[in-house]
Structures are given as structure tokens and as C-alpha cells.
PDB file of N, CA and C in Angstrom:
ATOM      1  N   MET A   1      -8.287 238.636  47.489  1.00  0.00           N
ATOM      2  CA  MET A   1      -8.497 239.403  46.277  1.00  0.00           C
ATOM      3  C   MET A   1      -7.163 239.575  45.564  1.00  0.00           C
ATOM      4  N   ASN A   2      -7.187 239.371  44.259  1.00  0.00           N
ATOM      5  CA  ASN A   2      -5.951 239.561  43.497  1.00  0.00           C
ATOM      6  C   ASN A   2      -5.948 240.935  42.821  1.00  0.00           C
ATOM      7  N   PHE A   3      -4.800 241.289  42.198  1.00  0.00           N
ATOM      8  CA  PHE A   3      -4.652 242.615  41.581  1.00  0.00           C
ATOM      9  C   PHE A   3      -5.599 242.829  40.400  1.00  0.00           C
ATOM     10  N   ALA A   4      -5.907 241.774  39.653  1.00  0.00           N
ATOM     11  CA  ALA A   4      -6.811 241.914  38.511  1.00  0.00           C
ATOM     12  C   ALA A   4      -8.208 242.316  38.981  1.00  0.00           C
ATOM     13  N   THR A   5      -8.675 241.704  40.039  1.00  0.00           N
ATOM     14  CA  THR A   5      -9.995 242.024  40.567  1.00  0.00           C
ATOM     15  C   THR A   5     -10.038 243.460  41.086  1.00  0.00           C
ATOM     16  N   ILE A   6      -8.995 243.875  41.752  1.00  0.00           N
ATOM     17  CA  ILE A   6      -8.919 245.243  42.269  1.00  0.00           C
ATOM     18  C   ILE A   6      -8.900 246.245  41.111  1.00  0.00           C
ATOM     19  N   GLY A   7      -8.148 245.937  40.053  1.00  0.00           N
ATOM     20  CA  GLY A   7      -8.081 246.817  38.884  1.00  0.00           C
ATOM     21  C   GLY A   7      -9.430 246.955  38.204  1.00  0.00           C
ATOM     22  N   VAL A   8     -10.128 245.852  38.029  1.00  0.00           N
ATOM     23  CA  VAL A   8     -11.448 245.889  37.396  1.00  0.00           C
ATOM     24  C   VAL A   8     -12.427 246.679  38.255  1.00  0.00           C
ATOM     25  N   ALA A   9     -12.366 246.488  39.562  1.00  0.00           N
ATOM     26  CA  ALA A   9     -13.272 247.209  40.469  1.00  0.00           C
ATOM     27  C   ALA A   9     -12.975 248.710  40.432  1.00  0.00           C
ATOM     28  N   ALA A  10     -11.695 249.073  40.396  1.00  0.00           N
ATOM     29  CA  ALA A  10     -11.331 250.490  40.347  1.00  0.00           C
ATOM     30  C   ALA A  10     -11.801 251.124  39.039  1.00  0.00           C
ATOM     31  N   ALA A  11     -11.625 250.420  37.926  1.00  0.00           N
ATOM     32  CA  ALA A  11     -12.081 250.945  36.634  1.00  0.00           C
ATOM     33  C   ALA A  11     -13.601 251.101  36.621  1.00  0.00           C
ATOM     34  N   ALA A  12     -14.299 250.130  37.162  1.00  0.00           N
ATOM     35  CA  ALA A  12     -15.759 250.205  37.204  1.00  0.00           C
ATOM     36  C   ALA A  12     -16.222 251.393  38.046  1.00  0.00           C
ATOM     37  N   LEU A  13     -15.585 251.620  39.184  1.00  0.00           N
ATOM     38  CA  LEU A  13     -15.952 252.764  40.026  1.00  0.00           C
ATOM     39  C   LEU A  13     -15.657 254.088  39.323  1.00  0.00           C
ATOM     40  N   PHE A  14     -14.519 254.154  38.628  1.00  0.00           N
ATOM     41  CA  PHE A  14     -14.179 255.376  37.889  1.00  0.00           C
ATOM     42  C   PHE A  14     -15.251 255.688  36.848  1.00  0.00           C
ATOM     43  N   TRP A  15     -15.626 254.710  36.026  1.00  0.00           N
ATOM     44  CA  TRP A  15     -16.606 254.953  34.970  1.00  0.00           C
ATOM     45  C   TRP A  15     -18.001 255.213  35.539  1.00  0.00           C
ATOM     46  N   LEU A  16     -18.321 254.571  36.659  1.00  0.00           N
ATOM     47  CA  LEU A  16     -19.607 254.818  37.306  1.00  0.00           C
ATOM     48  C   LEU A  16     -19.676 256.259  37.808  1.00  0.00           C
ATOM     49  N   GLU A  17     -18.612 256.715  38.464  1.00  0.00           N
ATOM     50  CA  GLU A  17     -18.568 258.097  38.958  1.00  0.00           C
ATOM     51  C   GLU A  17     -18.593 259.090  37.808  1.00  0.00           C
ATOM     52  N   THR A  18     -17.856 258.799  36.731  1.00  0.00           N
ATOM     53  CA  THR A  18     -17.825 259.692  35.564  1.00  0.00           C
ATOM     54  C   THR A  18     -19.209 259.798  34.929  1.00  0.00           C
ATOM     55  N   GLY A  19     -19.905 258.682  34.789  1.00  0.00           N
ATOM     56  CA  GLY A  19     -21.252 258.688  34.220  1.00  0.00           C
ATOM     57  C   GLY A  19     -22.240 259.461  35.064  1.00  0.00           C
ATOM     58  N   ILE A  20     -22.175 259.272  36.357  1.00  0.00           N
ATOM     59  CA  ILE A  20     -23.088 259.992  37.256  1.00  0.00           C
ATOM     60  C   ILE A  20     -22.796 261.488  37.216  1.00  0.00           C
ATOM     61  N   ALA A  21     -21.521 261.869  37.242  1.00  0.00           N
ATOM     62  CA  ALA A  21     -21.151 263.286  37.202  1.00  0.00           C
ATOM     63  C   ALA A  21     -21.593 263.933  35.896  1.00  0.00           C
ATOM     64  N   ALA A  22     -21.433 263.218  34.793  1.00  0.00           N
ATOM     65  CA  ALA A  22     -21.869 263.764  33.497  1.00  0.00           C
ATOM     66  C   ALA A  22     -23.381 263.916  33.465  1.00  0.00           C
ATOM     67  N   ARG A  23     -24.089 262.949  34.010  1.00  0.00           N
ATOM     68  CA  ARG A  23     -25.552 262.995  34.025  1.00  0.00           C
ATOM     69  C   ARG A  23     -26.058 264.160  34.868  1.00  0.00           C
ATOM     70  N   LEU A  24     -25.374 264.439  35.939  1.00  0.00           N
ATOM     71  CA  LEU A  24     -25.777 265.532  36.825  1.00  0.00           C
ATOM     72  C   LEU A  24     -25.273 266.892  36.340  1.00  0.00           C
ATOM     73  N   GLY A  25     -24.502 266.892  35.263  1.00  0.00           N
ATOM     74  CA  GLY A  25     -24.032 268.147  34.693  1.00  0.00           C
ATOM     75  C   GLY A  25     -22.760 268.686  35.313  1.00  0.00           C
ATOM     76  N   ARG A  26     -22.110 267.910  36.143  1.00  0.00           N
ATOM     77  CA  ARG A  26     -20.871 268.388  36.766  1.00  0.00           C
ATOM     78  C   ARG A  26     -19.673 268.240  35.838  1.00  0.00           C
ATOM     79  N   ARG A  27     -19.750 267.359  34.888  1.00  0.00           N
ATOM     80  CA  ARG A  27     -18.694 267.198  33.893  1.00  0.00           C
ATOM     81  C   ARG A  27     -19.329 267.308  32.525  1.00  0.00           C
ATOM     82  N   ARG A  28     -18.658 268.015  31.676  1.00  0.00           N
ATOM     83  CA  ARG A  28     -19.223 268.232  30.346  1.00  0.00           C
ATOM     84  C   ARG A  28     -18.105 268.223  29.319  1.00  0.00           C
ATOM     85  N   VAL A  29     -18.315 267.511  28.254  1.00  0.00           N
ATOM     86  CA  VAL A  29     -17.365 267.508  27.151  1.00  0.00           C
ATOM     87  C   VAL A  29     -17.654 268.743  26.311  1.00  0.00           C
ATOM     88  N   PRO A  30     -16.632 269.564  26.020  1.00  0.00           N
ATOM     89  CA  PRO A  30     -16.897 270.777  25.238  1.00  0.00           C
ATOM     90  C   PRO A  30     -17.386 270.439  23.833  1.00  0.00           C
ATOM     91  N   GLY A  31     -18.333 271.196  23.352  1.00  0.00           N
ATOM     92  CA  GLY A  31     -18.869 270.998  22.009  1.00  0.00           C
ATOM     93  C   GLY A  31     -18.351 272.065  21.062  1.00  0.00           C
ATOM     94  N   LEU A  32     -18.718 271.972  19.819  1.00  0.00           N
ATOM     95  CA  LEU A  32     -18.267 272.936  18.822  1.00  0.00           C
ATOM     96  C   LEU A  32     -18.731 274.353  19.142  1.00  0.00           C
ATOM     97  N   GLU A  33     -19.895 274.467  19.775  1.00  0.00           N
ATOM     98  CA  GLU A  33     -20.394 275.807  20.084  1.00  0.00           C
ATOM     99  C   GLU A  33     -19.520 276.508  21.123  1.00  0.00           C
ATOM    100  N   ASP A  34     -18.685 275.752  21.843  1.00  0.00           N
ATOM    101  CA  ASP A  34     -17.793 276.338  22.839  1.00  0.00           C
ATOM    102  C   ASP A  34     -16.489 276.855  22.241  1.00  0.00           C
ATOM    103  N   LEU A  35     -16.225 276.505  20.993  1.00  0.00           N
ATOM    104  CA  LEU A  35     -14.958 276.876  20.361  1.00  0.00           C
ATOM    105  C   LEU A  35     -15.073 278.182  19.593  1.00  0.00           C
ATOM    106  N   GLU A  36     -13.994 278.901  19.562  1.00  0.00           N
ATOM    107  CA  GLU A  36     -13.906 280.133  18.789  1.00  0.00           C
ATOM    108  C   GLU A  36     -13.756 279.762  17.310  1.00  0.00           C
ATOM    109  N   PRO A  37     -14.532 280.341  16.395  1.00  0.00           N
ATOM    110  CA  PRO A  37     -14.405 279.997  14.971  1.00  0.00           C
ATOM    111  C   PRO A  37     -13.027 280.403  14.430  1.00  0.00           C
ATOM    112  N   ILE A  38     -12.524 279.609  13.498  1.00  0.00           N
ATOM    113  CA  ILE A  38     -11.240 279.910  12.863  1.00  0.00           C
ATOM    114  C   ILE A  38     -11.497 280.942  11.774  1.00  0.00           C
ATOM    115  N   ARG A  39     -10.661 281.982  11.738  1.00  0.00           N
ATOM    116  CA  ARG A  39     -10.804 283.017  10.724  1.00  0.00           C
ATOM    117  C   ARG A  39     -10.449 282.437   9.353  1.00  0.00           C
ATOM    118  N   ASP A  40     -11.177 282.850   8.320  1.00  0.00           N
ATOM    119  CA  ASP A  40     -10.960 282.340   6.962  1.00  0.00           C
ATOM    120  C   ASP A  40      -9.534 282.519   6.495  1.00  0.00           C
ATOM    121  N   GLU A  41      -8.937 283.671   6.794  1.00  0.00           N
ATOM    122  CA  GLU A  41      -7.588 283.947   6.288  1.00  0.00           C
ATOM    123  C   GLU A  41      -6.525 283.075   6.950  1.00  0.00           C
ATOM    124  N   SER A  42      -6.845 282.429   8.054  1.00  0.00           N
ATOM    125  CA  SER A  42      -5.859 281.575   8.712  1.00  0.00           C
ATOM    126  C   SER A  42      -5.965 280.114   8.277  1.00  0.00           C
ATOM    127  N   LEU A  43      -6.971 279.784   7.467  1.00  0.00           N
ATOM    128  CA  LEU A  43      -7.121 278.409   6.993  1.00  0.00           C
ATOM    129  C   LEU A  43      -6.158 278.132   5.842  1.00  0.00           C
ATOM    130  N   PRO A  44      -5.639 276.912   5.745  1.00  0.00           N
ATOM    131  CA  PRO A  44      -4.737 276.591   4.635  1.00  0.00           C
ATOM    132  C   PRO A  44      -5.511 276.443   3.327  1.00  0.00           C
ATOM    133  N   THR A  45      -4.795 276.518   2.217  1.00  0.00           N
ATOM    134  CA  THR A  45      -5.409 276.318   0.903  1.00  0.00           C
ATOM    135  C   THR A  45      -5.749 274.845   0.732  1.00  0.00           C
ATOM    136  N   LEU A  46      -6.899 274.582   0.159  1.00  0.00           N
ATOM    137  CA  LEU A  46      -7.343 273.216  -0.113  1.00  0.00           C
ATOM    138  C   LEU A  46      -7.503 273.062  -1.615  1.00  0.00           C
ATOM    139  N   THR A  47      -6.805 272.086  -2.199  1.00  0.00           N
ATOM    140  CA  THR A  47      -6.944 271.802  -3.620  1.00  0.00           C
ATOM    141  C   THR A  47      -7.579 270.426  -3.770  1.00  0.00           C
ATOM    142  N   ILE A  48      -8.685 270.370  -4.497  1.00  0.00           N
ATOM    143  CA  ILE A  48      -9.390 269.115  -4.750  1.00  0.00           C
ATOM    144  C   ILE A  48      -9.047 268.692  -6.168  1.00  0.00           C
ATOM    145  N   VAL A  49      -8.494 267.485  -6.325  1.00  0.00           N
ATOM    146  CA  VAL A  49      -8.157 266.956  -7.635  1.00  0.00           C
ATOM    147  C   VAL A  49      -9.095 265.788  -7.912  1.00  0.00           C
ATOM    148  N   ALA A  50      -9.839 265.869  -9.007  1.00  0.00           N
ATOM    149  CA  ALA A  50     -10.774 264.808  -9.381  1.00  0.00           C
ATOM    150  C   ALA A  50     -10.380 264.282 -10.755  1.00  0.00           C
ATOM    151  N   ALA A  51     -10.200 262.994 -10.875  1.00  0.00           N
ATOM    152  CA  ALA A  51      -9.863 262.373 -12.150  1.00  0.00           C
ATOM    153  C   ALA A  51     -11.142 261.884 -12.827  1.00  0.00           C
ATOM    154  N   ALA A  52     -11.208 262.026 -14.153  1.00  0.00           N
ATOM    155  CA  ALA A  52     -12.397 261.607 -14.893  1.00  0.00           C
ATOM    156  C   ALA A  52     -11.980 260.952 -16.199  1.00  0.00           C
ATOM    157  N   LYS A  53     -12.570 259.818 -16.502  1.00  0.00           N
ATOM    158  CA  LYS A  53     -12.365 259.151 -17.790  1.00  0.00           C
ATOM    159  C   LYS A  53     -13.734 258.753 -18.312  1.00  0.00           C
ATOM    160  N   ASP A  54     -14.093 259.301 -19.457  1.00  0.00           N
ATOM    161  CA  ASP A  54     -15.387 259.023 -20.083  1.00  0.00           C
ATOM    162  C   ASP A  54     -16.544 259.273 -19.114  1.00  0.00           C
ATOM    163  N   GLU A  55     -16.549 260.453 -18.529  1.00  0.00           N
ATOM    164  CA  GLU A  55     -17.582 260.857 -17.576  1.00  0.00           C
ATOM    165  C   GLU A  55     -18.376 262.055 -18.062  1.00  0.00           C
ATOM    166  N   ALA A  56     -18.509 262.242 -19.356  1.00  0.00           N
ATOM    167  CA  ALA A  56     -19.181 263.419 -19.912  1.00  0.00           C
ATOM    168  C   ALA A  56     -20.571 263.672 -19.310  1.00  0.00           C
ATOM    169  N   PRO A  57     -21.406 262.650 -19.116  1.00  0.00           N
ATOM    170  CA  PRO A  57     -22.746 262.930 -18.576  1.00  0.00           C
ATOM    171  C   PRO A  57     -22.729 263.439 -17.124  1.00  0.00           C
ATOM    172  N   ARG A  58     -21.645 263.154 -16.386  1.00  0.00           N
ATOM    173  CA  ARG A  58     -21.632 263.466 -14.956  1.00  0.00           C
ATOM    174  C   ARG A  58     -20.603 264.515 -14.537  1.00  0.00           C
ATOM    175  N   VAL A  59     -19.609 264.801 -15.358  1.00  0.00           N
ATOM    176  CA  VAL A  59     -18.490 265.633 -14.900  1.00  0.00           C
ATOM    177  C   VAL A  59     -18.909 267.067 -14.608  1.00  0.00           C
ATOM    178  N   GLU A  60     -19.839 267.617 -15.339  1.00  0.00           N
ATOM    179  CA  GLU A  60     -20.246 268.999 -15.115  1.00  0.00           C
ATOM    180  C   GLU A  60     -20.883 269.167 -13.738  1.00  0.00           C
ATOM    181  N   GLU A  61     -21.837 268.335 -13.415  1.00  0.00           N
ATOM    182  CA  GLU A  61     -22.496 268.443 -12.110  1.00  0.00           C
ATOM    183  C   GLU A  61     -21.524 268.120 -10.976  1.00  0.00           C
ATOM    184  N   ALA A  62     -20.642 267.143 -11.189  1.00  0.00           N
ATOM    185  CA  ALA A  62     -19.657 266.808 -10.151  1.00  0.00           C
ATOM    186  C   ALA A  62     -18.734 267.994  -9.886  1.00  0.00           C
ATOM    187  N   ALA A  63     -18.241 268.629 -10.944  1.00  0.00           N
ATOM    188  CA  ALA A  63     -17.354 269.783 -10.774  1.00  0.00           C
ATOM    189  C   ALA A  63     -18.094 270.945 -10.113  1.00  0.00           C
ATOM    190  N   ARG A  64     -19.333 271.188 -10.522  1.00  0.00           N
ATOM    191  CA  ARG A  64     -20.108 272.269  -9.897  1.00  0.00           C
ATOM    192  C   ARG A  64     -20.352 271.984  -8.410  1.00  0.00           C
ATOM    193  N   SER A  65     -20.584 270.735  -8.085  1.00  0.00           N
ATOM    194  CA  SER A  65     -20.775 270.364  -6.688  1.00  0.00           C
ATOM    195  C   SER A  65     -19.511 270.646  -5.874  1.00  0.00           C
ATOM    196  N   LEU A  66     -18.359 270.331  -6.435  1.00  0.00           N
ATOM    197  CA  LEU A  66     -17.107 270.622  -5.742  1.00  0.00           C
ATOM    198  C   LEU A  66     -16.898 272.119  -5.592  1.00  0.00           C
ATOM    199  N   LEU A  67     -17.266 272.886  -6.609  1.00  0.00           N
ATOM    200  CA  LEU A  67     -17.102 274.344  -6.546  1.00  0.00           C
ATOM    201  C   LEU A  67     -18.062 274.994  -5.549  1.00  0.00           C
ATOM    202  N   ARG A  68     -19.171 274.324  -5.227  1.00  0.00           N
ATOM    203  CA  ARG A  68     -20.141 274.879  -4.272  1.00  0.00           C
ATOM    204  C   ARG A  68     -19.698 274.730  -2.819  1.00  0.00           C
ATOM    205  N   GLN A  69     -18.642 273.994  -2.582  1.00  0.00           N
ATOM    206  CA  GLN A  69     -18.179 273.838  -1.208  1.00  0.00           C
ATOM    207  C   GLN A  69     -17.883 275.210  -0.622  1.00  0.00           C
ATOM    208  N   ASP A  70     -18.161 275.389   0.652  1.00  0.00           N
ATOM    209  CA  ASP A  70     -18.008 276.716   1.236  1.00  0.00           C
ATOM    210  C   ASP A  70     -16.659 276.935   1.916  1.00  0.00           C
ATOM    211  N   TYR A  71     -15.711 276.055   1.689  1.00  0.00           N
ATOM    212  CA  TYR A  71     -14.368 276.275   2.231  1.00  0.00           C
ATOM    213  C   TYR A  71     -13.804 277.520   1.560  1.00  0.00           C
ATOM    214  N   PRO A  72     -13.278 278.487   2.305  1.00  0.00           N
ATOM    215  CA  PRO A  72     -12.972 279.801   1.743  1.00  0.00           C
ATOM    216  C   PRO A  72     -11.800 279.867   0.763  1.00  0.00           C
ATOM    217  N   ASN A  73     -10.804 279.039   0.909  1.00  0.00           N
ATOM    218  CA  ASN A  73      -9.617 279.153   0.081  1.00  0.00           C
ATOM    219  C   ASN A  73      -9.359 277.815  -0.602  1.00  0.00           C
ATOM    220  N   SER A  74     -10.174 277.516  -1.626  1.00  0.00           N
ATOM    221  CA  SER A  74     -10.081 276.205  -2.260  1.00  0.00           C
ATOM    222  C   SER A  74      -9.957 276.332  -3.768  1.00  0.00           C
ATOM    223  N   ALA A  75      -9.470 275.266  -4.385  1.00  0.00           N
ATOM    224  CA  ALA A  75      -9.357 275.181  -5.835  1.00  0.00           C
ATOM    225  C   ALA A  75      -9.760 273.776  -6.252  1.00  0.00           C
ATOM    226  N   VAL A  76     -10.306 273.658  -7.466  1.00  0.00           N
ATOM    227  CA  VAL A  76     -10.722 272.367  -8.003  1.00  0.00           C
ATOM    228  C   VAL A  76      -9.983 272.142  -9.313  1.00  0.00           C
ATOM    229  N   ILE A  77      -9.345 270.984  -9.439  1.00  0.00           N
ATOM    230  CA  ILE A  77      -8.683 270.596 -10.679  1.00  0.00           C
ATOM    231  C   ILE A  77      -9.323 269.296 -11.138  1.00  0.00           C
ATOM    232  N   VAL A  78      -9.851 269.280 -12.355  1.00  0.00           N
ATOM    233  CA  VAL A  78     -10.413 268.061 -12.927  1.00  0.00           C
ATOM    234  C   VAL A  78      -9.440 267.574 -13.984  1.00  0.00           C
ATOM    235  N   VAL A  79      -8.948 266.351 -13.825  1.00  0.00           N
ATOM    236  CA  VAL A  79      -7.989 265.769 -14.755  1.00  0.00           C
ATOM    237  C   VAL A  79      -8.741 264.843 -15.696  1.00  0.00           C
ATOM    238  N   ASP A  80      -8.670 265.133 -16.986  1.00  0.00           N
ATOM    239  CA  ASP A  80      -9.295 264.293 -18.008  1.00  0.00           C
ATOM    240  C   ASP A  80      -8.282 263.228 -18.413  1.00  0.00           C
ATOM    241  N   ASP A  81      -8.598 261.986 -18.148  1.00  0.00           N
ATOM    242  CA  ASP A  81      -7.692 260.877 -18.424  1.00  0.00           C
ATOM    243  C   ASP A  81      -7.972 260.272 -19.799  1.00  0.00           C
ATOM    244  N   ARG A  82      -7.674 261.004 -20.848  1.00  0.00           N
ATOM    245  CA  ARG A  82      -7.817 260.551 -22.233  1.00  0.00           C
ATOM    246  C   ARG A  82      -9.234 260.062 -22.538  1.00  0.00           C
ATOM    247  N   SER A  83     -10.212 260.818 -22.172  1.00  0.00           N
ATOM    248  CA  SER A  83     -11.600 260.433 -22.441  1.00  0.00           C
ATOM    249  C   SER A  83     -11.878 260.468 -23.935  1.00  0.00           C
ATOM    250  N   SER A  84     -12.767 259.597 -24.355  1.00  0.00           N
ATOM    251  CA  SER A  84     -13.158 259.562 -25.767  1.00  0.00           C
ATOM    252  C   SER A  84     -14.581 260.079 -25.970  1.00  0.00           C
ATOM    253  N   ASP A  85     -15.223 260.516 -24.895  1.00  0.00           N
ATOM    254  CA  ASP A  85     -16.614 260.955 -24.998  1.00  0.00           C
ATOM    255  C   ASP A  85     -16.796 262.460 -24.820  1.00  0.00           C
ATOM    256  N   GLY A  86     -15.723 263.240 -24.862  1.00  0.00           N
ATOM    257  CA  GLY A  86     -15.854 264.686 -24.737  1.00  0.00           C
ATOM    258  C   GLY A  86     -15.948 265.176 -23.316  1.00  0.00           C
ATOM    259  N   THR A  87     -15.415 264.421 -22.379  1.00  0.00           N
ATOM    260  CA  THR A  87     -15.473 264.819 -20.973  1.00  0.00           C
ATOM    261  C   THR A  87     -14.898 266.211 -20.763  1.00  0.00           C
ATOM    262  N   SER A  88     -13.747 266.515 -21.372  1.00  0.00           N
ATOM    263  CA  SER A  88     -13.115 267.815 -21.119  1.00  0.00           C
ATOM    264  C   SER A  88     -13.950 268.980 -21.653  1.00  0.00           C
ATOM    265  N   ARG A  89     -14.762 268.742 -22.678  1.00  0.00           N
ATOM    266  CA  ARG A  89     -15.620 269.813 -23.200  1.00  0.00           C
ATOM    267  C   ARG A  89     -16.815 270.067 -22.286  1.00  0.00           C
ATOM    268  N   ARG A  90     -17.146 269.132 -21.435  1.00  0.00           N
ATOM    269  CA  ARG A  90     -18.298 269.267 -20.539  1.00  0.00           C
ATOM    270  C   ARG A  90     -17.938 269.904 -19.205  1.00  0.00           C
ATOM    271  N   PHE A  91     -16.665 270.158 -18.990  1.00  0.00           N
ATOM    272  CA  PHE A  91     -16.266 270.812 -17.751  1.00  0.00           C
ATOM    273  C   PHE A  91     -16.921 272.184 -17.712  1.00  0.00           C
ATOM    274  N   PRO A  92     -17.508 272.574 -16.583  1.00  0.00           N
ATOM    275  CA  PRO A  92     -18.285 273.822 -16.548  1.00  0.00           C
ATOM    276  C   PRO A  92     -17.436 275.052 -16.825  1.00  0.00           C
ATOM    277  N   LYS A  93     -18.055 275.999 -17.487  1.00  0.00           N
ATOM    278  CA  LYS A  93     -17.427 277.298 -17.686  1.00  0.00           C
ATOM    279  C   LYS A  93     -17.369 277.962 -16.320  1.00  0.00           C
ATOM    280  N   THR A  94     -16.212 278.452 -15.970  1.00  0.00           N
ATOM    281  CA  THR A  94     -16.087 279.054 -14.650  1.00  0.00           C
ATOM    282  C   THR A  94     -16.682 280.452 -14.663  1.00  0.00           C
ATOM    283  N   GLY A  95     -17.259 280.814 -13.585  1.00  0.00           N
ATOM    284  CA  GLY A  95     -17.888 282.125 -13.465  1.00  0.00           C
ATOM    285  C   GLY A  95     -18.296 282.370 -12.041  1.00  0.00           C
ATOM    286  N   SER A  96     -18.872 283.480 -11.786  1.00  0.00           N
ATOM    287  CA  SER A  96     -19.361 283.890 -10.472  1.00  0.00           C
ATOM    288  C   SER A  96     -18.319 283.673  -9.372  1.00  0.00           C
ATOM    289  N   GLY A  97     -17.103 284.147  -9.638  1.00  0.00           N
ATOM    290  CA  GLY A  97     -16.070 284.078  -8.618  1.00  0.00           C
ATOM    291  C   GLY A  97     -15.291 282.786  -8.589  1.00  0.00           C
ATOM    292  N   SER A  98     -15.665 281.812  -9.400  1.00  0.00           N
ATOM    293  CA  SER A  98     -14.970 280.528  -9.345  1.00  0.00           C
ATOM    294  C   SER A  98     -13.878 280.408 -10.404  1.00  0.00           C
ATOM    295  N   ALA A  99     -13.676 281.436 -11.221  1.00  0.00           N
ATOM    296  CA  ALA A  99     -12.700 281.349 -12.308  1.00  0.00           C
ATOM    297  C   ALA A  99     -11.299 281.058 -11.789  1.00  0.00           C
ATOM    298  N   THR A 100     -10.953 281.622 -10.660  1.00  0.00           N
ATOM    299  CA  THR A 100      -9.630 281.352 -10.113  1.00  0.00           C
ATOM    300  C   THR A 100      -9.607 280.083  -9.289  1.00  0.00           C
ATOM    301  N   ARG A 101     -10.752 279.479  -9.084  1.00  0.00           N
ATOM    302  CA  ARG A 101     -10.840 278.301  -8.235  1.00  0.00           C
ATOM    303  C   ARG A 101     -10.884 277.000  -9.003  1.00  0.00           C
ATOM    304  N   SER A 102     -10.957 277.019 -10.333  1.00  0.00           N
ATOM    305  CA  SER A 102     -11.095 275.764 -11.043  1.00  0.00           C
ATOM    306  C   SER A 102     -10.301 275.781 -12.343  1.00  0.00           C
ATOM    307  N   ARG A 103      -9.881 274.591 -12.736  1.00  0.00           N
ATOM    308  CA  ARG A 103      -9.234 274.445 -14.029  1.00  0.00           C
ATOM    309  C   ARG A 103      -9.291 272.976 -14.417  1.00  0.00           C
ATOM    310  N   LYS A 104      -9.035 272.721 -15.685  1.00  0.00           N
ATOM    311  CA  LYS A 104      -9.005 271.337 -16.136  1.00  0.00           C
ATOM    312  C   LYS A 104      -7.604 271.014 -16.631  1.00  0.00           C
ATOM    313  N   ALA A 105      -7.271 269.752 -16.616  1.00  0.00           N
ATOM    314  CA  ALA A 105      -5.953 269.305 -17.052  1.00  0.00           C
ATOM    315  C   ALA A 105      -6.106 267.973 -17.762  1.00  0.00           C
ATOM    316  N   ARG A 106      -5.162 267.648 -18.638  1.00  0.00           N
ATOM    317  CA  ARG A 106      -5.142 266.346 -19.306  1.00  0.00           C
ATOM    318  C   ARG A 106      -4.205 265.441 -18.532  1.00  0.00           C
ATOM    319  N   GLY A 107      -4.463 264.154 -18.582  1.00  0.00           N
ATOM    320  CA  GLY A 107      -3.596 263.177 -17.922  1.00  0.00           C
ATOM    321  C   GLY A 107      -2.198 263.217 -18.509  1.00  0.00           C
ATOM    322  N   PRO A 108      -1.182 262.789 -17.759  1.00  0.00           N
ATOM    323  CA  PRO A 108       0.197 262.836 -18.236  1.00  0.00           C
ATOM    324  C   PRO A 108       0.427 261.909 -19.428  1.00  0.00           C
ATOM    325  N   GLN A 109       1.338 262.299 -20.286  1.00  0.00           N
ATOM    326  CA  GLN A 109       1.682 261.505 -21.470  1.00  0.00           C
ATOM    327  C   GLN A 109       3.113 260.986 -21.335  1.00  0.00           C
ATOM    328  N   THR A 110       3.368 259.794 -21.846  1.00  0.00           N
ATOM    329  CA  THR A 110       4.724 259.252 -21.865  1.00  0.00           C
ATOM    330  C   THR A 110       5.391 259.656 -23.170  1.00  0.00           C
ATOM    331  N   ARG A 111       6.644 259.298 -23.352  1.00  0.00           N
ATOM    332  CA  ARG A 111       7.375 259.688 -24.552  1.00  0.00           C
ATOM    333  C   ARG A 111       6.770 259.120 -25.835  1.00  0.00           C
ATOM    334  N   ASN A 112       6.171 257.949 -25.753  1.00  0.00           N
ATOM    335  CA  ASN A 112       5.584 257.369 -26.957  1.00  0.00           C
ATOM    336  C   ASN A 112       4.155 257.854 -27.195  1.00  0.00           C
ATOM    337  N   GLY A 113       3.689 258.798 -26.376  1.00  0.00           N
ATOM    338  CA  GLY A 113       2.385 259.402 -26.601  1.00  0.00           C
ATOM    339  C   GLY A 113       1.257 258.755 -25.848  1.00  0.00           C
ATOM    340  N   SER A 114       1.495 257.630 -25.205  1.00  0.00           N
ATOM    341  CA  SER A 114       0.417 256.991 -24.464  1.00  0.00           C
ATOM    342  C   SER A 114       0.360 257.562 -23.052  1.00  0.00           C
ATOM    343  N   SER A 115      -0.763 257.412 -22.414  1.00  0.00           N
ATOM    344  CA  SER A 115      -0.930 257.924 -21.076  1.00  0.00           C
ATOM    345  C   SER A 115      -0.206 257.014 -20.096  1.00  0.00           C
ATOM    346  N   SER A 116       0.388 257.615 -19.062  1.00  0.00           N
ATOM    347  CA  SER A 116       1.063 256.813 -18.062  1.00  0.00           C
ATOM    348  C   SER A 116       0.084 256.290 -16.997  1.00  0.00           C
ATOM    349  N   TRP A 117      -1.132 256.793 -17.003  1.00  0.00           N
ATOM    350  CA  TRP A 117      -2.134 256.317 -16.065  1.00  0.00           C
ATOM    351  C   TRP A 117      -3.492 256.367 -16.733  1.00  0.00           C
ATOM    352  N   THR A 118      -4.256 255.341 -16.560  1.00  0.00           N
ATOM    353  CA  THR A 118      -5.613 255.310 -17.072  1.00  0.00           C
ATOM    354  C   THR A 118      -6.526 254.777 -15.992  1.00  0.00           C
ATOM    355  N   GLY A 119      -7.435 255.597 -15.549  1.00  0.00           N
ATOM    356  CA  GLY A 119      -8.381 255.168 -14.527  1.00  0.00           C
ATOM    357  C   GLY A 119      -9.496 254.338 -15.156  1.00  0.00           C
ATOM    358  N   THR A 120     -10.166 253.613 -14.337  1.00  0.00           N
ATOM    359  CA  THR A 120     -11.279 252.786 -14.842  1.00  0.00           C
ATOM    360  C   THR A 120     -12.533 253.108 -14.115  1.00  0.00           C
TER     361      THR A 120
END
């Protein structure tokens, strides 16, 4: 018998024993229900930045969907990338506690007035 055969046999026995022990309930991988929940105040701030160009029909629902997330300390920024269809006017009016959680912004401008980035 060579070392490769011995190694394969040892690995097979290890996994066989592990499978049998797990099946019999002697070994268990901890699940989420075993963990202590993290307190809201200890979670970091999450900022979601969404870029939109000519998305007027969809931007309102998309922004509202982002605002509905239940992460406790989050903010949503929607960047209007020089839309020509009124995308920035369709951004939802903030309310019901989300006023501090959302805002809109225009894409950056270069010195000659053109945008430095245009999404497609």
C-alpha cells in the first residue's frame, strides 16, 4: 500500500464517520436560531446608491422598494445621470419616517458642463 491509498482511505473513513454522527444527531452544525440576534444600535450604517438614467417609469417603485428594506440604519441615494425623461421628478416624496433615509443627487459635471459618467 502506498501513501496515496492510505490518505484516500483515511479521508473516506473520516467523512463516513462524520456523516453517520450527523445522521444520528451527535454532531450538529449550528443554525441561525442558535445565534443571539445583533442589536440594531450595534449595526453599521448602510447606504444604498442607485444610479438612474431615463428611468422615469420605474424609478419611483425602485426607490420605494429600497426604502422598504428593514435594515435599521440605512439611507438611499438615487443619482440621476442627466436623464431627459424627468427621472428626478419621479423620485418619491419622502415621508413616514424615510425623510432622513433618502435623497436624490445629480450626476457629476465636468468643467465644460458635460457629465463625467453616463450610464446606459
